Amino acid sequence: MSVTKVTTPVIDSPGLESGQRNFIIDGDFTQFPEGDKTSVASGVYTSALLRTDHSTSTGVYNVTQDTDVPTQAESGHQSSYSTKVTVTTSDTSIASTEFLSLIYFMTGSDFKNLHKKECTISFWVKSPLIGQYYVTLTNSSANRYYHAPYTISTANTWEKVTITLTMDTSGGWLFTDADRGLRILFVLMSGSGKHGSGASAWEDGADDYGLSGQVNFLASTYTWQISQFQMVLGSTAPTFTSEPIATVKDQVDWYVQRYNYDSVSGERVAEGHVDGTNNDAVFQFRREMRGIPTVTSTASGTFSANDSLLTANGSAISFSLESIRNVKLRLTASATTSGEGIVILRDGTDTSWIMADARH
């Protein structure tokens, strides 16, 4: 009896070579749904899943998508973008309660795969401000903390940071889609009242950010950049790889969907029916979302309703009956459309968008 040898085909899929899944979504920072942010407020998302977190009475900064990245020769991966923080107004006198960080929230259903296990975080970083920084990990209740120090040793040079730790074996941790399973903070400034008690060990805490020795990133018009952010199981950091861009966009769409109507004048948005001056339509999302989203848009005047007899500019816009799949869009028009079927359009070439946000 002869045996035919079967050769397994090579599958071009990130992570298979090392067997290590990257638990960070869009760690290559390809997705900035809302674009660059200037004079950014606290609690605002910049890249798709990286959120600002600060309390400062003076300091002001921007967060932008930047094309300055580690070279392929340095990192083994060709990125297109990094996330860049730029101080525009400095704060040289830091109060004990002040802090500045960027936060990544990992959903509980992803985090449960890491719970109580050895993990490695890695990323590339660049800043003119050399010195000690912290990556702080904490649970959803913000009462269990791990402060991991890293040092930028050479100004204005891309350097790789690798942090290996065992995840907390006590404390309260959450594991569902609705939960914040893990918070990862990139700390750029923390006052003395925001310091924990020790580095590289899990501890109880309350609103801790870093430890003493943390640089004050707001002290001057500094920049800080991050690229190729990943978190994997195990004690080593493999060469960064990214999912195919179509996969990344689908993953991000689970959290936030932005629809920019900028292709053609009068681009179609949705189809529905008319009730007097109220034009109602079902606005269907690209995919199911993590939870019931908050839906926002540009002003009503950036949309119009058309019933084949006339086109009426929007005078009010609202969203209701939100679900994980769709939302009811009502555009009140400046004139009464007379047909039963209507199309809601981008009004001419106006800047026009709708966003469904189900992020943590």
Protein backbone atom coordinates (compact mmCIF):
# COMPACT_ATOMS: atom_id res chain seq x y z
CA MET A 1 0.00 0.00 0.00
CA SER A 2 1.42 3.37 -0.95
CA VAL A 3 1.10 6.47 1.24
CA THR A 4 0.75 9.89 -0.31
CA LYS A 5 2.57 12.57 1.63
CA VAL A 6 0.43 15.65 2.16
CA THR A 7 2.24 18.96 2.45
CA THR A 8 0.43 21.63 4.45
CA PRO A 9 0.13 24.81 2.38
CA VAL A 10 1.73 27.99 3.62
CA ILE A 11 -0.95 30.25 5.06
CA ASP A 12 -0.16 33.95 4.95
CA SER A 13 -1.81 34.92 8.23
CA PRO A 14 -0.26 37.09 10.95
CA GLY A 15 0.65 35.34 14.17
CA LEU A 16 0.72 31.78 12.81
CA GLU A 17 4.51 31.72 12.47
CA SER A 18 5.03 32.40 16.18
CA GLY A 19 1.71 30.96 17.35
CA GLN A 20 1.16 34.11 19.41
CA ARG A 21 -2.03 36.06 18.94
CA ASN A 22 -1.84 39.82 19.38
CA PHE A 23 -4.66 40.73 21.78
CA ILE A 24 -4.41 44.43 20.87
CA ILE A 25 -6.80 45.51 18.12
CA ASP A 26 -5.22 47.83 15.54
CA GLY A 27 -1.86 47.99 17.29
CA ASP A 28 -0.55 49.37 14.00
CA PHE A 29 -2.75 52.49 14.43
CA THR A 30 -4.22 52.37 10.95
CA GLN A 31 -7.68 53.55 12.05
CA PHE A 32 -8.39 57.14 13.17
CA PRO A 33 -12.18 57.30 12.58
CA GLU A 34 -12.47 60.92 13.71
CA GLY A 35 -9.16 62.13 12.39
CA ASP A 36 -6.48 64.06 14.26
CA LYS A 37 -7.41 65.74 17.55
CA THR A 38 -6.14 69.19 18.60
CA SER A 39 -6.31 70.68 22.10
CA VAL A 40 -7.82 67.36 23.01
CA ALA A 41 -10.11 66.89 26.01
CA SER A 42 -9.87 64.05 28.50
CA GLY A 43 -11.95 60.96 27.74
CA VAL A 44 -11.73 61.36 23.97
CA TYR A 45 -10.71 58.61 21.56
CA THR A 46 -7.87 59.49 19.20
CA SER A 47 -6.91 56.41 17.22
CA ALA A 48 -9.86 54.02 17.11
CA LEU A 49 -9.28 52.41 20.52
CA LEU A 50 -6.75 54.64 22.31
CA ARG A 51 -8.37 57.18 24.63
CA THR A 52 -7.06 60.30 26.34
CA ASP A 53 -7.06 60.49 30.14
CA HIS A 54 -5.81 63.58 31.94
CA SER A 55 -6.27 66.10 34.70
CA THR A 56 -4.13 69.16 34.14
CA SER A 57 -4.95 72.79 34.78
CA THR A 58 -2.51 74.17 32.21
CA GLY A 59 -1.13 71.60 29.79
CA VAL A 60 -2.59 71.29 26.28
CA TYR A 61 -1.71 68.68 23.67
CA ASN A 62 -2.68 67.26 20.28
CA VAL A 63 -2.94 63.60 19.25
CA THR A 64 -2.38 62.81 15.59
CA GLN A 65 -1.79 59.94 13.19
CA ASP A 66 1.80 60.27 12.01
CA THR A 67 3.78 58.62 9.21
CA ASP A 68 7.04 58.60 11.21
CA VAL A 69 7.49 54.92 12.13
CA PRO A 70 10.24 52.41 12.93
CA THR A 71 11.94 51.18 9.79
CA GLN A 72 11.37 47.67 8.55
CA ALA A 73 15.08 47.00 9.12
CA GLU A 74 14.71 48.01 12.78
CA SER A 75 11.47 46.28 13.68
CA GLY A 76 10.98 43.58 11.05
CA HIS A 77 7.59 45.05 10.13
CA GLN A 78 6.66 47.90 7.83
CA SER A 79 4.15 50.15 9.55
CA SER A 80 2.46 53.08 7.89
CA TYR A 81 1.47 55.01 11.00
CA SER A 82 2.20 55.80 14.61
CA THR A 83 0.16 57.69 17.19
CA LYS A 84 1.83 60.98 18.13
CA VAL A 85 1.19 63.19 21.16
CA THR A 86 2.44 66.79 20.86
CA VAL A 87 2.42 69.30 23.74
CA THR A 88 1.30 72.75 22.60
CA THR A 89 1.02 74.44 26.01
CA SER A 90 3.38 73.27 28.75
CA ASP A 91 2.70 72.69 32.44
CA THR A 92 5.90 72.90 34.48
CA SER A 93 4.25 72.91 37.92
CA ILE A 94 2.48 69.60 38.44
CA ALA A 95 -0.02 69.38 41.29
CA SER A 96 -0.16 66.16 43.29
CA THR A 97 -3.49 65.16 41.75
CA GLU A 98 -2.60 65.80 38.10
CA PHE A 99 -1.94 63.08 35.52
CA LEU A 100 -1.75 62.40 31.79
CA SER A 101 -2.03 59.05 30.06
CA LEU A 102 -3.42 57.29 27.00
CA ILE A 103 -5.61 54.26 27.76
CA TYR A 104 -6.37 51.10 25.81
CA PHE A 105 -9.40 49.15 27.07
CA MET A 106 -9.39 45.41 26.45
CA THR A 107 -12.86 43.86 26.44
CA GLY A 108 -13.43 41.24 29.13
CA SER A 109 -14.07 38.44 26.66
CA ASP A 110 -10.58 38.99 25.20
CA PHE A 111 -8.93 39.50 28.58
CA LYS A 112 -10.19 36.19 29.98
CA ASN A 113 -7.65 34.46 27.69
CA LEU A 114 -4.85 36.28 29.53
CA HIS A 115 -6.14 36.10 33.10
CA LYS A 116 -3.56 34.73 35.58
CA LYS A 117 -1.16 33.89 32.73
CA GLU A 118 2.30 35.09 31.74
CA CYS A 119 2.05 37.78 29.09
CA THR A 120 4.34 40.11 27.17
CA ILE A 121 3.57 43.66 26.08
CA SER A 122 5.77 45.28 23.45
CA PHE A 123 5.75 48.51 21.47
CA TRP A 124 8.08 50.97 19.80
CA VAL A 125 8.39 54.45 21.30
CA LYS A 126 10.07 57.73 20.40
CA SER A 127 10.43 61.07 22.22
CA PRO A 128 12.95 63.88 22.68
CA LEU A 129 12.33 63.57 26.45
CA ILE A 130 14.59 60.84 27.78
CA GLY A 131 13.98 59.29 31.19
CA GLN A 132 11.64 56.94 32.99
CA TYR A 133 8.03 56.29 31.98
CA TYR A 134 5.43 53.76 33.13
CA VAL A 135 2.95 51.40 31.55
CA THR A 136 0.27 50.78 34.17
CA LEU A 137 -2.17 47.87 34.04
CA THR A 138 -5.34 47.92 36.10
CA ASN A 139 -8.73 46.25 36.38
CA SER A 140 -12.09 47.79 35.59
CA SER A 141 -12.66 48.82 39.22
CA ALA A 142 -9.25 50.56 39.31
CA ASN A 143 -8.27 48.91 42.59
CA ARG A 144 -5.59 46.49 41.38
CA TYR A 145 -2.45 47.90 39.72
CA TYR A 146 0.79 46.87 38.06
CA HIS A 147 3.31 49.65 37.29
CA ALA A 148 5.87 48.57 34.68
CA PRO A 149 8.76 51.02 34.19
CA TYR A 150 10.54 51.62 30.90
CA THR A 151 13.23 54.08 29.90
CA ILE A 152 13.67 56.18 26.79
CA SER A 153 17.45 56.35 26.65
CA THR A 154 18.14 58.10 23.34
CA ALA A 155 16.30 61.25 22.27
CA ASN A 156 14.32 61.25 19.03
CA THR A 157 15.11 57.61 18.28
CA TRP A 158 12.73 54.69 17.89
CA GLU A 159 13.32 52.16 20.68
CA LYS A 160 11.52 48.87 21.38
CA VAL A 161 10.03 48.32 24.84
CA THR A 162 9.28 44.78 26.07
CA ILE A 163 7.46 44.09 29.36
CA THR A 164 6.84 40.54 30.60
CA LEU A 165 4.59 39.91 33.60
CA THR A 166 2.20 37.38 35.11
CA MET A 167 -1.34 38.68 35.25
CA ASP A 168 -2.98 39.20 38.61
CA THR A 169 -4.02 36.05 40.49
CA SER A 170 -6.34 37.90 42.87
CA GLY A 171 -8.58 40.95 42.76
CA GLY A 172 -11.80 41.46 40.83
CA TRP A 173 -11.64 40.98 37.06
CA LEU A 174 -14.46 40.94 34.48
CA PHE A 175 -14.84 38.68 31.46
CA THR A 176 -17.79 39.61 29.21
CA ASP A 177 -18.12 41.65 26.02
CA ALA A 178 -19.76 44.45 27.99
CA ASP A 179 -16.88 44.70 30.49
CA ARG A 180 -13.58 46.48 30.55
CA GLY A 181 -11.47 43.43 31.22
CA LEU A 182 -8.10 45.21 31.33
CA ARG A 183 -6.98 48.84 31.17
CA ILE A 184 -3.49 49.55 29.79
CA LEU A 185 -2.25 53.07 30.56
CA PHE A 186 0.68 54.75 28.85
CA VAL A 187 1.56 57.25 31.57
CA LEU A 188 3.19 60.52 30.46
CA MET A 189 2.85 62.50 33.70
CA SER A 190 1.64 61.80 37.24
CA GLY A 191 1.66 63.94 40.38
CA SER A 192 2.79 62.56 43.73
CA GLY A 193 -0.78 61.88 44.83
CA LYS A 194 -1.24 59.52 41.89
CA HIS A 195 1.72 57.26 42.71
CA GLY A 196 1.53 53.61 43.68
CA SER A 197 3.88 51.95 46.15
CA GLY A 198 6.06 49.72 43.99
CA ALA A 199 7.09 48.69 40.48
CA SER A 200 6.63 45.40 38.66
CA ALA A 201 4.25 43.79 41.17
CA TRP A 202 0.48 43.68 41.56
CA GLU A 203 -0.83 45.81 44.39
CA ASP A 204 -4.02 47.33 45.74
CA GLY A 205 -4.52 50.96 44.85
CA ALA A 206 -6.96 53.75 44.14
CA ASP A 207 -6.58 55.91 41.06
CA ASP A 208 -2.82 55.27 40.80
CA TYR A 209 -0.94 56.11 37.60
CA GLY A 210 2.80 55.74 38.06
CA LEU A 211 5.59 56.03 40.61
CA SER A 212 8.04 58.72 41.61
CA GLY A 213 10.67 59.32 38.96
CA GLN A 214 8.11 59.53 36.15
CA VAL A 215 9.09 62.23 33.66
CA ASN A 216 6.83 65.26 33.24
CA PHE A 217 5.98 65.10 29.55
CA LEU A 218 4.12 68.41 29.81
CA ALA A 219 7.20 70.33 30.96
CA SER A 220 7.89 71.59 27.43
CA THR A 221 6.59 71.23 23.89
CA TYR A 222 7.66 67.59 23.71
CA THR A 223 6.39 64.82 21.45
CA TRP A 224 5.81 61.15 22.26
CA GLN A 225 5.06 58.48 19.67
CA ILE A 226 3.99 54.85 19.85
CA SER A 227 3.96 52.23 17.11
CA GLN A 228 3.51 48.45 16.76
CA PHE A 229 1.69 47.89 20.06
CA GLN A 230 1.03 44.26 20.94
CA MET A 231 0.22 41.99 23.88
CA VAL A 232 0.73 38.24 23.60
CA LEU A 233 0.74 35.14 25.77
CA GLY A 234 4.17 33.95 26.86
CA SER A 235 7.51 35.39 27.87
CA THR A 236 8.77 36.67 24.52
CA ALA A 237 7.71 39.37 22.10
CA PRO A 238 7.57 38.14 18.51
CA THR A 239 8.16 40.44 15.58
CA PHE A 240 5.06 42.59 15.27
CA THR A 241 2.51 41.49 12.68
CA SER A 242 -0.82 43.03 11.78
CA GLU A 243 -4.04 41.41 10.68
CA PRO A 244 -5.06 42.12 7.07
CA ILE A 245 -6.51 45.61 6.81
CA ALA A 246 -10.00 44.26 6.03
CA THR A 247 -9.90 42.27 9.28
CA VAL A 248 -8.69 45.28 11.27
CA LYS A 249 -11.50 47.46 9.89
CA ASP A 250 -14.06 44.79 10.78
CA GLN A 251 -12.63 44.48 14.32
CA VAL A 252 -12.77 48.25 14.80
CA ASP A 253 -16.33 48.34 13.40
CA TRP A 254 -17.41 46.15 16.33
CA TYR A 255 -16.60 49.16 18.53
CA VAL A 256 -17.10 52.23 16.37
CA GLN A 257 -18.39 52.91 12.85
CA ARG A 258 -17.86 56.21 11.10
CA TYR A 259 -19.60 56.95 7.78
CA ASN A 260 -18.02 59.86 5.94
CA TYR A 261 -20.08 61.03 2.97
CA ASP A 262 -17.40 62.66 0.86
CA SER A 263 -17.32 60.65 -2.37
CA VAL A 264 -19.78 62.48 -4.61
CA SER A 265 -22.19 65.39 -4.39
CA GLY A 266 -25.58 64.22 -3.11
CA GLU A 267 -24.27 60.80 -2.00
CA ARG A 268 -27.06 58.48 -0.80
CA VAL A 269 -27.25 57.90 2.97
CA ALA A 270 -30.46 55.89 3.50
CA GLU A 271 -33.86 55.19 2.00
CA GLY A 272 -37.19 55.43 3.83
CA HIS A 273 -40.61 57.05 3.84
CA VAL A 274 -42.06 60.48 4.48
CA ASP A 275 -44.54 61.64 7.13
CA GLY A 276 -45.15 65.32 6.53
CA THR A 277 -41.83 67.06 6.98
CA ASN A 278 -40.36 64.07 8.85
CA ASN A 279 -38.34 61.73 6.67
CA ASP A 280 -37.70 58.41 8.42
CA ALA A 281 -35.22 55.70 7.41
CA VAL A 282 -33.54 52.64 8.87
CA PHE A 283 -29.81 53.29 8.96
CA GLN A 284 -28.15 49.88 8.77
CA PHE A 285 -24.72 49.37 10.36
CA ARG A 286 -21.93 47.58 8.48
CA ARG A 287 -21.86 44.84 11.12
CA GLU A 288 -23.27 44.05 14.57
CA MET A 289 -21.68 46.18 17.29
CA ARG A 290 -20.32 45.42 20.76
CA GLY A 291 -23.29 47.08 22.43
CA ILE A 292 -26.03 49.63 21.86
CA PRO A 293 -24.16 52.56 20.28
CA THR A 294 -24.45 56.29 20.73
CA VAL A 295 -25.20 57.73 17.29
CA THR A 296 -24.13 61.25 16.30
CA SER A 297 -23.83 63.18 13.06
CA THR A 298 -23.02 66.48 11.46
CA ALA A 299 -25.73 69.15 11.54
CA SER A 300 -29.10 68.51 9.89
CA GLY A 301 -28.31 71.07 7.20
CA THR A 302 -25.58 68.79 5.83
CA PHE A 303 -28.31 66.33 4.76
CA SER A 304 -31.35 66.64 2.50
CA ALA A 305 -34.40 64.56 1.58
CA ASN A 306 -35.39 63.76 -1.99
CA ASP A 307 -38.69 62.19 -3.15
CA SER A 308 -38.14 62.53 -6.93
CA LEU A 309 -40.39 65.62 -6.99
CA LEU A 310 -38.23 67.93 -4.88
CA THR A 311 -35.17 68.04 -2.68
CA ALA A 312 -35.60 69.64 0.76
CA ASN A 313 -32.73 70.64 3.03
CA GLY A 314 -32.67 69.18 6.54
CA SER A 315 -33.71 71.38 9.46
CA ALA A 316 -33.41 68.81 12.30
CA ILE A 317 -31.91 65.34 12.65
CA SER A 318 -32.39 62.71 15.33
CA PHE A 319 -31.68 59.04 16.02
CA SER A 320 -33.84 56.60 17.98
CA LEU A 321 -34.59 52.89 18.45
CA GLU A 322 -30.86 52.15 18.52
CA SER A 323 -29.85 48.49 18.36
CA ILE A 324 -26.61 46.65 17.71
CA ARG A 325 -27.62 46.35 14.02
CA ASN A 326 -29.31 49.60 13.04
CA VAL A 327 -30.90 52.87 14.14
CA LYS A 328 -33.91 54.92 13.09
CA LEU A 329 -32.80 58.13 11.36
CA ARG A 330 -35.29 61.00 11.21
CA LEU A 331 -34.48 64.02 9.07
CA THR A 332 -36.96 66.84 9.42
CA ALA A 333 -36.91 68.80 6.17
CA SER A 334 -37.37 72.48 5.44
CA ALA A 335 -40.23 71.67 3.06
CA THR A 336 -42.88 68.96 2.88
CA THR A 337 -41.91 66.16 0.54
CA SER A 338 -44.93 64.70 -1.21
CA GLY A 339 -43.96 61.21 -2.29
CA GLU A 340 -44.15 58.14 -0.05
CA GLY A 341 -40.60 56.97 -0.74
CA ILE A 342 -37.68 59.24 0.03
CA VAL A 343 -33.91 59.14 -0.13
CA ILE A 344 -31.81 60.90 2.48
CA LEU A 345 -28.74 62.41 0.86
CA ARG A 346 -25.58 64.25 1.61
CA ASP A 347 -26.56 67.85 0.93
CA GLY A 348 -24.51 68.78 -2.12
CA THR A 349 -20.83 68.68 -1.22
CA ASP A 350 -21.26 69.51 2.49
CA THR A 351 -19.01 67.83 5.04
CA SER A 352 -21.39 65.13 6.19
CA TRP A 353 -20.99 62.10 8.47
CA ILE A 354 -22.78 59.70 10.84
CA MET A 355 -21.00 57.80 13.64
CA ALA A 356 -22.15 54.88 15.80
CA ASP A 357 -19.98 54.53 18.91
CA ALA A 358 -20.09 51.45 21.17
CA ARG A 359 -16.63 51.85 22.72
CA HIS A 360 -16.02 51.45 26.45
